[in-house]
All heavy atoms as atom14 arrays in JSON, in Angstrom:
{
  "sequence": "GFNHFTFVKNMEEILNHATPLTSTSFPDGFSYSFQYTTTIFNIEHIFD",
  "atom14_mask": [
    [1, 1, 1, 1, 0, 0, 0, 0, 0, 0, 0, 0, 0, 0],
    [1, 1, 1, 1, 1, 1, 1, 1, 1, 1, 1, 0, 0, 0],
    [1, 1, 1, 1, 1, 1, 1, 1, 0, 0, 0, 0, 0, 0],
    [1, 1, 1, 1, 1, 1, 1, 1, 1, 1, 0, 0, 0, 0],
    [1, 1, 1, 1, 1, 1, 1, 1, 1, 1, 1, 0, 0, 0],
    [1, 1, 1, 1, 1, 1, 1, 0, 0, 0, 0, 0, 0, 0],
    [1, 1, 1, 1, 1, 1, 1, 1, 1, 1, 1, 0, 0, 0],
    [1, 1, 1, 1, 1, 1, 1, 0, 0, 0, 0, 0, 0, 0],
    [1, 1, 1, 1, 1, 1, 1, 1, 1, 0, 0, 0, 0, 0],
    [1, 1, 1, 1, 1, 1, 1, 1, 0, 0, 0, 0, 0, 0],
    [1, 1, 1, 1, 1, 1, 1, 1, 0, 0, 0, 0, 0, 0],
    [1, 1, 1, 1, 1, 1, 1, 1, 1, 0, 0, 0, 0, 0],
    [1, 1, 1, 1, 1, 1, 1, 1, 1, 0, 0, 0, 0, 0],
    [1, 1, 1, 1, 1, 1, 1, 1, 0, 0, 0, 0, 0, 0],
    [1, 1, 1, 1, 1, 1, 1, 1, 0, 0, 0, 0, 0, 0],
    [1, 1, 1, 1, 1, 1, 1, 1, 0, 0, 0, 0, 0, 0],
    [1, 1, 1, 1, 1, 1, 1, 1, 1, 1, 0, 0, 0, 0],
    [1, 1, 1, 1, 1, 0, 0, 0, 0, 0, 0, 0, 0, 0],
    [1, 1, 1, 1, 1, 1, 1, 0, 0, 0, 0, 0, 0, 0],
    [1, 1, 1, 1, 1, 1, 1, 0, 0, 0, 0, 0, 0, 0],
    [1, 1, 1, 1, 1, 1, 1, 1, 0, 0, 0, 0, 0, 0],
    [1, 1, 1, 1, 1, 1, 1, 0, 0, 0, 0, 0, 0, 0],
    [1, 1, 1, 1, 1, 1, 0, 0, 0, 0, 0, 0, 0, 0],
    [1, 1, 1, 1, 1, 1, 1, 0, 0, 0, 0, 0, 0, 0],
    [1, 1, 1, 1, 1, 1, 0, 0, 0, 0, 0, 0, 0, 0],
    [1, 1, 1, 1, 1, 1, 1, 1, 1, 1, 1, 0, 0, 0],
    [1, 1, 1, 1, 1, 1, 1, 0, 0, 0, 0, 0, 0, 0],
    [1, 1, 1, 1, 1, 1, 1, 1, 0, 0, 0, 0, 0, 0],
    [1, 1, 1, 1, 0, 0, 0, 0, 0, 0, 0, 0, 0, 0],
    [1, 1, 1, 1, 1, 1, 1, 1, 1, 1, 1, 0, 0, 0],
    [1, 1, 1, 1, 1, 1, 0, 0, 0, 0, 0, 0, 0, 0],
    [1, 1, 1, 1, 1, 1, 1, 1, 1, 1, 1, 1, 0, 0],
    [1, 1, 1, 1, 1, 1, 0, 0, 0, 0, 0, 0, 0, 0],
    [1, 1, 1, 1, 1, 1, 1, 1, 1, 1, 1, 0, 0, 0],
    [1, 1, 1, 1, 1, 1, 1, 1, 1, 0, 0, 0, 0, 0],
    [1, 1, 1, 1, 1, 1, 1, 1, 1, 1, 1, 1, 0, 0],
    [1, 1, 1, 1, 1, 1, 1, 0, 0, 0, 0, 0, 0, 0],
    [1, 1, 1, 1, 1, 1, 1, 0, 0, 0, 0, 0, 0, 0],
    [1, 1, 1, 1, 1, 1, 1, 0, 0, 0, 0, 0, 0, 0],
    [1, 1, 1, 1, 1, 1, 1, 1, 0, 0, 0, 0, 0, 0],
    [1, 1, 1, 1, 1, 1, 1, 1, 1, 1, 1, 0, 0, 0],
    [1, 1, 1, 1, 1, 1, 1, 1, 0, 0, 0, 0, 0, 0],
    [1, 1, 1, 1, 1, 1, 1, 1, 0, 0, 0, 0, 0, 0],
    [1, 1, 1, 1, 1, 1, 1, 1, 1, 0, 0, 0, 0, 0],
    [1, 1, 1, 1, 1, 1, 1, 1, 1, 1, 0, 0, 0, 0],
    [1, 1, 1, 1, 1, 1, 1, 1, 0, 0, 0, 0, 0, 0],
    [1, 1, 1, 1, 1, 1, 1, 1, 1, 1, 1, 0, 0, 0],
    [1, 1, 1, 1, 1, 1, 1, 1, 0, 0, 0, 0, 0, 0]
  ],
  "atom14_positions": [
    [[126.34, 106.69, 129.59], [126.3, 107.26, 128.25], [124.91, 107.11, 127.64], [124.53, 107.87, 126.74], [0.0, 0.0, 0.0], [0.0, 0.0, 0.0], [0.0, 0.0, 0.0], [0.0, 0.0, 0.0], [0.0, 0.0, 0.0], [0.0, 0.0, 0.0], [0.0, 0.0, 0.0], [0.0, 0.0, 0.0], [0.0, 0.0, 0.0], [0.0, 0.0, 0.0]],
    [[124.15, 106.15, 128.12], [122.76, 105.97, 127.67], [121.93, 107.14, 128.15], [122.01, 107.55, 129.31], [122.2, 104.66, 128.24], [120.74, 104.43, 127.96], [120.33, 103.88, 126.76], [119.77, 104.74, 128.92], [118.98, 103.65, 126.51], [118.42, 104.51, 128.68], [118.03, 103.96, 127.47], [0.0, 0.0, 0.0], [0.0, 0.0, 0.0], [0.0, 0.0, 0.0]],
    [[121.15, 107.69, 127.24], [120.21, 108.75, 127.58], [118.82, 108.29, 127.2], [118.55, 108.02, 126.02], [120.58, 110.05, 126.86], [119.61, 111.19, 127.19], [118.5, 111.24, 126.7], [120.06, 112.1, 128.05], [0.0, 0.0, 0.0], [0.0, 0.0, 0.0], [0.0, 0.0, 0.0], [0.0, 0.0, 0.0], [0.0, 0.0, 0.0], [0.0, 0.0, 0.0]],
    [[117.96, 108.18, 128.18], [116.62, 107.61, 127.93], [115.89, 108.36, 126.82], [115.28, 107.73, 125.93], [115.8, 107.65, 129.21], [114.38, 107.23, 129.0], [113.98, 105.91, 128.98], [113.24, 107.96, 128.78], [112.67, 105.84, 128.75], [112.2, 107.06, 128.64], [0.0, 0.0, 0.0], [0.0, 0.0, 0.0], [0.0, 0.0, 0.0], [0.0, 0.0, 0.0]],
    [[115.95, 109.67, 126.82], [115.14, 110.44, 125.87], [115.73, 110.42, 124.46], [115.0, 110.45, 123.47], [114.95, 111.86, 126.41], [114.22, 111.87, 127.72], [114.91, 112.07, 128.92], [112.86, 111.63, 127.77], [114.25, 112.05, 130.13], [112.19, 111.6, 128.99], [112.87, 111.81, 130.17], [0.0, 0.0, 0.0], [0.0, 0.0, 0.0], [0.0, 0.0, 0.0]],
    [[117.05, 110.31, 124.36], [117.67, 110.1, 123.04], [117.26, 108.74, 122.48], [116.95, 108.61, 121.3], [119.2, 110.18, 123.14], [119.56, 111.49, 123.59], [119.85, 109.9, 121.8], [0.0, 0.0, 0.0], [0.0, 0.0, 0.0], [0.0, 0.0, 0.0], [0.0, 0.0, 0.0], [0.0, 0.0, 0.0], [0.0, 0.0, 0.0], [0.0, 0.0, 0.0]],
    [[117.25, 107.74, 123.35], [116.82, 106.4, 122.95], [115.39, 106.43, 122.42], [115.09, 105.87, 121.35], [116.94, 105.45, 124.14], [116.27, 104.12, 123.92], [116.88, 103.14, 123.16], [115.04, 103.85, 124.5], [116.26, 101.91, 122.96], [114.41, 102.63, 124.32], [115.02, 101.65, 123.53], [0.0, 0.0, 0.0], [0.0, 0.0, 0.0], [0.0, 0.0, 0.0]],
    [[114.5, 107.08, 123.14], [113.1, 107.16, 122.72], [112.98, 107.88, 121.38], [112.23, 107.45, 120.48], [112.25, 107.85, 123.81], [110.88, 108.21, 123.28], [112.14, 106.96, 125.04], [0.0, 0.0, 0.0], [0.0, 0.0, 0.0], [0.0, 0.0, 0.0], [0.0, 0.0, 0.0], [0.0, 0.0, 0.0], [0.0, 0.0, 0.0], [0.0, 0.0, 0.0]],
    [[113.71, 108.98, 121.21], [113.67, 109.74, 119.95], [114.11, 108.87, 118.77], [113.45, 108.84, 117.72], [114.57, 110.97, 120.06], [114.65, 111.79, 118.78], [115.62, 112.95, 118.95], [115.78, 113.72, 117.63], [116.78, 114.83, 117.77], [0.0, 0.0, 0.0], [0.0, 0.0, 0.0], [0.0, 0.0, 0.0], [0.0, 0.0, 0.0], [0.0, 0.0, 0.0]],
    [[115.21, 108.13, 118.94], [115.69, 107.28, 117.86], [114.76, 106.1, 117.61], [114.57, 105.69, 116.46], [117.1, 106.79, 118.17], [118.14, 107.9, 118.07], [117.92, 108.9, 117.4], [119.26, 107.72, 118.74], [0.0, 0.0, 0.0], [0.0, 0.0, 0.0], [0.0, 0.0, 0.0], [0.0, 0.0, 0.0], [0.0, 0.0, 0.0], [0.0, 0.0, 0.0]],
    [[114.15, 105.57, 118.67], [113.19, 104.48, 118.49], [111.99, 104.94, 117.69], [111.46, 104.2, 116.84], [112.74, 103.93, 119.85], [113.62, 102.85, 120.43], [113.91, 101.43, 119.33], [112.24, 100.95, 118.88], [0.0, 0.0, 0.0], [0.0, 0.0, 0.0], [0.0, 0.0, 0.0], [0.0, 0.0, 0.0], [0.0, 0.0, 0.0], [0.0, 0.0, 0.0]],
    [[111.52, 106.15, 117.92], [110.37, 106.66, 117.17], [110.7, 106.75, 115.68], [109.85, 106.48, 114.83], [109.97, 108.03, 117.72], [109.42, 108.0, 119.13], [108.17, 107.14, 119.27], [107.35, 107.11, 118.33], [108.02, 106.48, 120.33], [0.0, 0.0, 0.0], [0.0, 0.0, 0.0], [0.0, 0.0, 0.0], [0.0, 0.0, 0.0], [0.0, 0.0, 0.0]],
    [[111.93, 107.14, 115.35], [112.34, 107.2, 113.94], [112.45, 105.79, 113.35], [112.01, 105.55, 112.21], [113.68, 107.92, 113.81], [114.17, 108.08, 112.38], [113.23, 108.9, 111.5], [112.47, 109.73, 112.05], [113.25, 108.7, 110.27], [0.0, 0.0, 0.0], [0.0, 0.0, 0.0], [0.0, 0.0, 0.0], [0.0, 0.0, 0.0], [0.0, 0.0, 0.0]],
    [[113.01, 104.86, 114.11], [113.12, 103.48, 113.63], [111.73, 102.89, 113.37], [111.51, 102.17, 112.39], [113.88, 102.61, 114.66], [115.35, 103.03, 114.73], [113.77, 101.13, 114.32], [116.13, 102.83, 113.46], [0.0, 0.0, 0.0], [0.0, 0.0, 0.0], [0.0, 0.0, 0.0], [0.0, 0.0, 0.0], [0.0, 0.0, 0.0], [0.0, 0.0, 0.0]],
    [[110.77, 103.22, 114.23], [109.41, 102.7, 114.06], [108.78, 103.14, 112.74], [107.87, 102.47, 112.24], [108.53, 103.16, 115.22], [108.58, 102.35, 116.52], [107.76, 103.03, 117.6], [108.09, 100.94, 116.28], [0.0, 0.0, 0.0], [0.0, 0.0, 0.0], [0.0, 0.0, 0.0], [0.0, 0.0, 0.0], [0.0, 0.0, 0.0], [0.0, 0.0, 0.0]],
    [[109.24, 104.26, 112.18], [108.7, 104.74, 110.91], [109.13, 103.87, 109.74], [108.54, 103.95, 108.65], [109.16, 106.18, 110.65], [108.54, 107.17, 111.6], [107.43, 106.97, 112.07], [109.25, 108.25, 111.9], [0.0, 0.0, 0.0], [0.0, 0.0, 0.0], [0.0, 0.0, 0.0], [0.0, 0.0, 0.0], [0.0, 0.0, 0.0], [0.0, 0.0, 0.0]],
    [[110.16, 103.04, 109.94], [110.72, 102.29, 108.82], [110.81, 100.78, 109.07], [110.84, 100.01, 108.12], [112.15, 102.79, 108.51], [112.21, 104.25, 108.23], [111.94, 104.78, 106.98], [112.53, 105.31, 109.03], [112.09, 106.1, 107.02], [112.44, 106.44, 108.25], [0.0, 0.0, 0.0], [0.0, 0.0, 0.0], [0.0, 0.0, 0.0], [0.0, 0.0, 0.0]],
    [[110.9, 100.37, 110.33], [111.21, 98.98, 110.65], [110.09, 98.32, 111.44], [109.24, 98.98, 112.03], [112.52, 98.91, 111.44], [0.0, 0.0, 0.0], [0.0, 0.0, 0.0], [0.0, 0.0, 0.0], [0.0, 0.0, 0.0], [0.0, 0.0, 0.0], [0.0, 0.0, 0.0], [0.0, 0.0, 0.0], [0.0, 0.0, 0.0], [0.0, 0.0, 0.0]],
    [[110.13, 96.99, 111.44], [109.11, 96.19, 112.11], [109.73, 95.45, 113.29], [110.82, 94.86, 113.15], [108.53, 95.14, 111.13], [108.03, 95.82, 109.98], [107.42, 94.34, 111.77], [0.0, 0.0, 0.0], [0.0, 0.0, 0.0], [0.0, 0.0, 0.0], [0.0, 0.0, 0.0], [0.0, 0.0, 0.0], [0.0, 0.0, 0.0], [0.0, 0.0, 0.0]],
    [[109.08, 95.43, 114.45], [109.62, 94.64, 115.57], [109.35, 93.16, 115.36], [108.2, 92.73, 115.19], [108.83, 95.18, 116.77], [107.54, 95.67, 116.19], [107.87, 96.18, 114.81], [0.0, 0.0, 0.0], [0.0, 0.0, 0.0], [0.0, 0.0, 0.0], [0.0, 0.0, 0.0], [0.0, 0.0, 0.0], [0.0, 0.0, 0.0], [0.0, 0.0, 0.0]],
    [[110.41, 92.38, 115.35], [110.29, 90.95, 115.13], [111.26, 90.2, 116.03], [112.15, 90.79, 116.64], [110.57, 90.61, 113.66], [109.56, 91.14, 112.64], [110.09, 90.95, 111.23], [108.21, 90.42, 112.79], [0.0, 0.0, 0.0], [0.0, 0.0, 0.0], [0.0, 0.0, 0.0], [0.0, 0.0, 0.0], [0.0, 0.0, 0.0], [0.0, 0.0, 0.0]],
    [[111.11, 88.9, 116.1], [112.04, 88.11, 116.9], [113.39, 88.05, 116.2], [113.48, 88.11, 114.97], [111.52, 86.68, 117.1], [111.47, 86.01, 115.84], [110.14, 86.69, 117.72], [0.0, 0.0, 0.0], [0.0, 0.0, 0.0], [0.0, 0.0, 0.0], [0.0, 0.0, 0.0], [0.0, 0.0, 0.0], [0.0, 0.0, 0.0], [0.0, 0.0, 0.0]],
    [[114.45, 87.94, 116.98], [115.79, 87.93, 116.42], [116.04, 86.7, 115.55], [116.85, 86.73, 114.63], [116.83, 87.96, 117.55], [116.67, 86.84, 118.4], [0.0, 0.0, 0.0], [0.0, 0.0, 0.0], [0.0, 0.0, 0.0], [0.0, 0.0, 0.0], [0.0, 0.0, 0.0], [0.0, 0.0, 0.0], [0.0, 0.0, 0.0], [0.0, 0.0, 0.0]],
    [[115.33, 85.61, 115.83], [115.57, 84.38, 115.07], [114.79, 84.33, 113.76], [115.15, 83.57, 112.86], [115.2, 83.16, 115.92], [113.86, 83.32, 116.41], [116.16, 83.02, 117.09], [0.0, 0.0, 0.0], [0.0, 0.0, 0.0], [0.0, 0.0, 0.0], [0.0, 0.0, 0.0], [0.0, 0.0, 0.0], [0.0, 0.0, 0.0], [0.0, 0.0, 0.0]],
    [[113.74, 85.12, 113.62], [112.95, 85.05, 112.38], [113.68, 85.73, 111.23], [113.72, 85.21, 110.12], [111.58, 85.69, 112.59], [111.71, 87.05, 112.96], [0.0, 0.0, 0.0], [0.0, 0.0, 0.0], [0.0, 0.0, 0.0], [0.0, 0.0, 0.0], [0.0, 0.0, 0.0], [0.0, 0.0, 0.0], [0.0, 0.0, 0.0], [0.0, 0.0, 0.0]],
    [[114.27, 86.9, 111.47], [115.1, 87.61, 110.52], [114.54, 87.54, 109.09], [115.18, 87.02, 108.17], [116.51, 87.05, 110.56], [117.57, 88.0, 110.07], [117.28, 89.31, 109.7], [118.88, 87.58, 109.96], [118.27, 90.17, 109.25], [119.88, 88.43, 109.51], [119.57, 89.72, 109.16], [0.0, 0.0, 0.0], [0.0, 0.0, 0.0], [0.0, 0.0, 0.0]],
    [[113.34, 88.05, 108.84], [112.73, 87.96, 107.52], [113.28, 89.04, 106.59], [114.08, 89.89, 107.0], [111.26, 88.23, 107.81], [111.33, 89.21, 108.94], [112.5, 88.79, 109.78], [0.0, 0.0, 0.0], [0.0, 0.0, 0.0], [0.0, 0.0, 0.0], [0.0, 0.0, 0.0], [0.0, 0.0, 0.0], [0.0, 0.0, 0.0], [0.0, 0.0, 0.0]],
    [[112.87, 89.01, 105.33], [113.22, 90.09, 104.42], [112.69, 91.4, 104.98], [111.64, 91.46, 105.61], [112.6, 89.84, 103.04], [113.32, 88.74, 102.27], [114.26, 88.16, 102.82], [112.94, 88.48, 101.12], [0.0, 0.0, 0.0], [0.0, 0.0, 0.0], [0.0, 0.0, 0.0], [0.0, 0.0, 0.0], [0.0, 0.0, 0.0], [0.0, 0.0, 0.0]],
    [[113.43, 92.46, 104.69], [112.99, 93.78, 105.12], [113.83, 94.33, 106.25], [114.88, 93.79, 106.61], [0.0, 0.0, 0.0], [0.0, 0.0, 0.0], [0.0, 0.0, 0.0], [0.0, 0.0, 0.0], [0.0, 0.0, 0.0], [0.0, 0.0, 0.0], [0.0, 0.0, 0.0], [0.0, 0.0, 0.0], [0.0, 0.0, 0.0], [0.0, 0.0, 0.0]],
    [[113.37, 95.4, 106.82], [114.06, 96.12, 107.87], [113.33, 95.85, 109.18], [112.15, 96.17, 109.32], [114.08, 97.62, 107.53], [114.84, 98.5, 108.47], [115.75, 97.98, 109.38], [114.63, 99.87, 108.43], [116.45, 98.82, 110.24], [115.33, 100.72, 109.29], [116.24, 100.19, 110.2], [0.0, 0.0, 0.0], [0.0, 0.0, 0.0], [0.0, 0.0, 0.0]],
    [[114.02, 95.25, 110.13], [113.37, 94.87, 111.39], [114.31, 95.14, 112.56], [115.48, 95.46, 112.39], [112.97, 93.39, 111.37], [114.1, 92.56, 111.22], [0.0, 0.0, 0.0], [0.0, 0.0, 0.0], [0.0, 0.0, 0.0], [0.0, 0.0, 0.0], [0.0, 0.0, 0.0], [0.0, 0.0, 0.0], [0.0, 0.0, 0.0], [0.0, 0.0, 0.0]],
    [[113.77, 94.98, 113.75], [114.6, 95.17, 114.94], [114.11, 94.26, 116.06], [112.98, 93.79, 116.08], [114.58, 96.63, 115.41], [113.24, 97.1, 115.94], [112.88, 96.92, 117.27], [112.32, 97.74, 115.11], [111.65, 97.36, 117.75], [111.1, 98.19, 115.58], [110.77, 98.0, 116.91], [109.56, 98.42, 117.37], [0.0, 0.0, 0.0], [0.0, 0.0, 0.0]],
    [[115.02, 94.0, 116.97], [114.7, 93.3, 118.22], [115.55, 93.93, 119.31], [116.36, 94.82, 119.06], [115.0, 91.8, 118.09], [116.39, 91.6, 117.85], [0.0, 0.0, 0.0], [0.0, 0.0, 0.0], [0.0, 0.0, 0.0], [0.0, 0.0, 0.0], [0.0, 0.0, 0.0], [0.0, 0.0, 0.0], [0.0, 0.0, 0.0], [0.0, 0.0, 0.0]],
    [[115.35, 93.49, 120.54], [116.11, 94.02, 121.66], [116.94, 92.92, 122.31], [116.55, 91.76, 122.33], [115.17, 94.64, 122.7], [114.45, 95.86, 122.22], [113.14, 95.77, 121.76], [115.07, 97.1, 122.2], [112.46, 96.9, 121.3], [114.41, 98.23, 121.75], [113.11, 98.13, 121.29], [0.0, 0.0, 0.0], [0.0, 0.0, 0.0], [0.0, 0.0, 0.0]],
    [[118.07, 93.35, 122.87], [118.9, 92.46, 123.68], [119.06, 93.06, 125.06], [119.52, 94.2, 125.2], [120.27, 92.25, 123.03], [120.22, 91.45, 121.74], [121.6, 91.1, 121.22], [122.6, 91.7, 121.61], [121.66, 90.13, 120.33], [0.0, 0.0, 0.0], [0.0, 0.0, 0.0], [0.0, 0.0, 0.0], [0.0, 0.0, 0.0], [0.0, 0.0, 0.0]],
    [[118.67, 92.3, 126.06], [118.72, 92.74, 127.45], [119.75, 91.89, 128.17], [119.58, 90.68, 128.32], [117.34, 92.56, 128.08], [117.15, 93.11, 129.48], [116.47, 94.3, 129.67], [117.61, 92.43, 130.6], [116.24, 94.81, 130.95], [117.41, 92.93, 131.88], [116.72, 94.11, 132.04], [116.5, 94.61, 133.31], [0.0, 0.0, 0.0], [0.0, 0.0, 0.0]],
    [[120.85, 92.52, 128.59], [121.89, 91.81, 129.31], [121.67, 91.98, 130.81], [121.65, 93.11, 131.31], [123.29, 92.32, 128.91], [123.47, 92.14, 127.51], [124.37, 91.56, 129.66], [0.0, 0.0, 0.0], [0.0, 0.0, 0.0], [0.0, 0.0, 0.0], [0.0, 0.0, 0.0], [0.0, 0.0, 0.0], [0.0, 0.0, 0.0], [0.0, 0.0, 0.0]],
    [[121.53, 90.88, 131.49], [121.14, 90.9, 132.89], [122.36, 90.91, 133.8], [123.26, 90.08, 133.67], [120.27, 89.67, 133.22], [119.2, 89.6, 132.28], [119.71, 89.76, 134.63], [0.0, 0.0, 0.0], [0.0, 0.0, 0.0], [0.0, 0.0, 0.0], [0.0, 0.0, 0.0], [0.0, 0.0, 0.0], [0.0, 0.0, 0.0], [0.0, 0.0, 0.0]],
    [[122.37, 91.87, 134.72], [123.41, 91.98, 135.74], [122.76, 92.12, 137.1], [121.52, 92.17, 137.22], [124.32, 93.2, 135.48], [123.54, 94.39, 135.67], [124.89, 93.18, 134.06], [0.0, 0.0, 0.0], [0.0, 0.0, 0.0], [0.0, 0.0, 0.0], [0.0, 0.0, 0.0], [0.0, 0.0, 0.0], [0.0, 0.0, 0.0], [0.0, 0.0, 0.0]],
    [[123.57, 92.27, 138.13], [123.02, 92.46, 139.46], [122.25, 93.77, 139.57], [121.38, 93.92, 140.43], [124.12, 92.43, 140.54], [125.11, 93.59, 140.35], [124.85, 91.1, 140.52], [126.11, 93.72, 141.48], [0.0, 0.0, 0.0], [0.0, 0.0, 0.0], [0.0, 0.0, 0.0], [0.0, 0.0, 0.0], [0.0, 0.0, 0.0], [0.0, 0.0, 0.0]],
    [[122.51, 94.71, 138.66], [121.9, 96.03, 138.74], [120.5, 96.09, 138.14], [119.7, 96.94, 138.52], [122.78, 97.06, 138.05], [124.21, 97.04, 138.5], [125.22, 96.64, 137.63], [124.55, 97.37, 139.8], [126.54, 96.6, 138.05], [125.87, 97.32, 140.23], [126.87, 96.93, 139.35], [0.0, 0.0, 0.0], [0.0, 0.0, 0.0], [0.0, 0.0, 0.0]],
    [[120.2, 95.21, 137.18], [118.92, 95.33, 136.48], [118.07, 94.07, 136.52], [117.0, 94.04, 135.92], [119.14, 95.76, 135.03], [119.81, 94.69, 134.2], [120.28, 93.66, 134.72], [119.89, 94.91, 132.89], [0.0, 0.0, 0.0], [0.0, 0.0, 0.0], [0.0, 0.0, 0.0], [0.0, 0.0, 0.0], [0.0, 0.0, 0.0], [0.0, 0.0, 0.0]],
    [[118.52, 93.03, 137.22], [117.77, 91.77, 137.19], [116.37, 91.95, 137.77], [115.4, 91.35, 137.26], [118.53, 90.64, 137.93], [117.77, 89.31, 137.77], [118.78, 90.98, 139.39], [118.56, 88.1, 138.21], [0.0, 0.0, 0.0], [0.0, 0.0, 0.0], [0.0, 0.0, 0.0], [0.0, 0.0, 0.0], [0.0, 0.0, 0.0], [0.0, 0.0, 0.0]],
    [[116.22, 92.79, 138.77], [114.9, 92.96, 139.37], [114.01, 93.93, 138.59], [112.86, 94.16, 138.95], [115.02, 93.41, 140.82], [115.83, 94.67, 141.02], [116.3, 94.83, 142.46], [115.46, 95.12, 143.34], [117.51, 94.66, 142.71], [0.0, 0.0, 0.0], [0.0, 0.0, 0.0], [0.0, 0.0, 0.0], [0.0, 0.0, 0.0], [0.0, 0.0, 0.0]],
    [[114.55, 94.49, 137.49], [113.78, 95.43, 136.67], [113.37, 94.83, 135.32], [112.84, 95.54, 134.47], [114.59, 96.69, 136.43], [114.91, 97.46, 137.68], [113.95, 98.15, 138.39], [116.07, 97.62, 138.36], [114.51, 98.71, 139.44], [115.8, 98.41, 139.45], [0.0, 0.0, 0.0], [0.0, 0.0, 0.0], [0.0, 0.0, 0.0], [0.0, 0.0, 0.0]],
    [[113.63, 93.55, 135.11], [113.32, 92.91, 133.83], [111.85, 93.1, 133.47], [111.5, 93.45, 132.34], [113.68, 91.42, 133.86], [115.2, 91.25, 133.75], [112.98, 90.66, 132.73], [115.67, 89.8, 133.82], [0.0, 0.0, 0.0], [0.0, 0.0, 0.0], [0.0, 0.0, 0.0], [0.0, 0.0, 0.0], [0.0, 0.0, 0.0], [0.0, 0.0, 0.0]],
    [[110.97, 92.86, 134.4], [109.53, 92.9, 134.09], [109.03, 94.33, 133.91], [108.09, 94.57, 133.15], [108.76, 92.14, 135.17], [109.2, 90.7, 135.28], [110.11, 90.32, 136.26], [108.75, 89.76, 134.38], [110.54, 89.0, 136.35], [109.17, 88.44, 134.44], [110.08, 88.05, 135.44], [0.0, 0.0, 0.0], [0.0, 0.0, 0.0], [0.0, 0.0, 0.0]],
    [[109.69, 95.3, 134.58], [109.38, 96.71, 134.31], [109.77, 97.08, 132.89], [109.05, 97.83, 132.21], [110.14, 97.61, 135.29], [109.75, 97.38, 136.74], [108.6, 97.0, 136.98], [110.62, 97.57, 137.62], [0.0, 0.0, 0.0], [0.0, 0.0, 0.0], [0.0, 0.0, 0.0], [0.0, 0.0, 0.0], [0.0, 0.0, 0.0], [0.0, 0.0, 0.0]]
  ]
}
């Protein structure tokens, strides 16, 4: 269901309003972070 290009399009819009920050800092304002769940399918792609 994930579509790479839809993801990129939505990320570009989020970048217009939000700041990338660590999940634990959670400061005032609109921010975002990422969560990467590791499985046998993507463990070797973490660094990519």
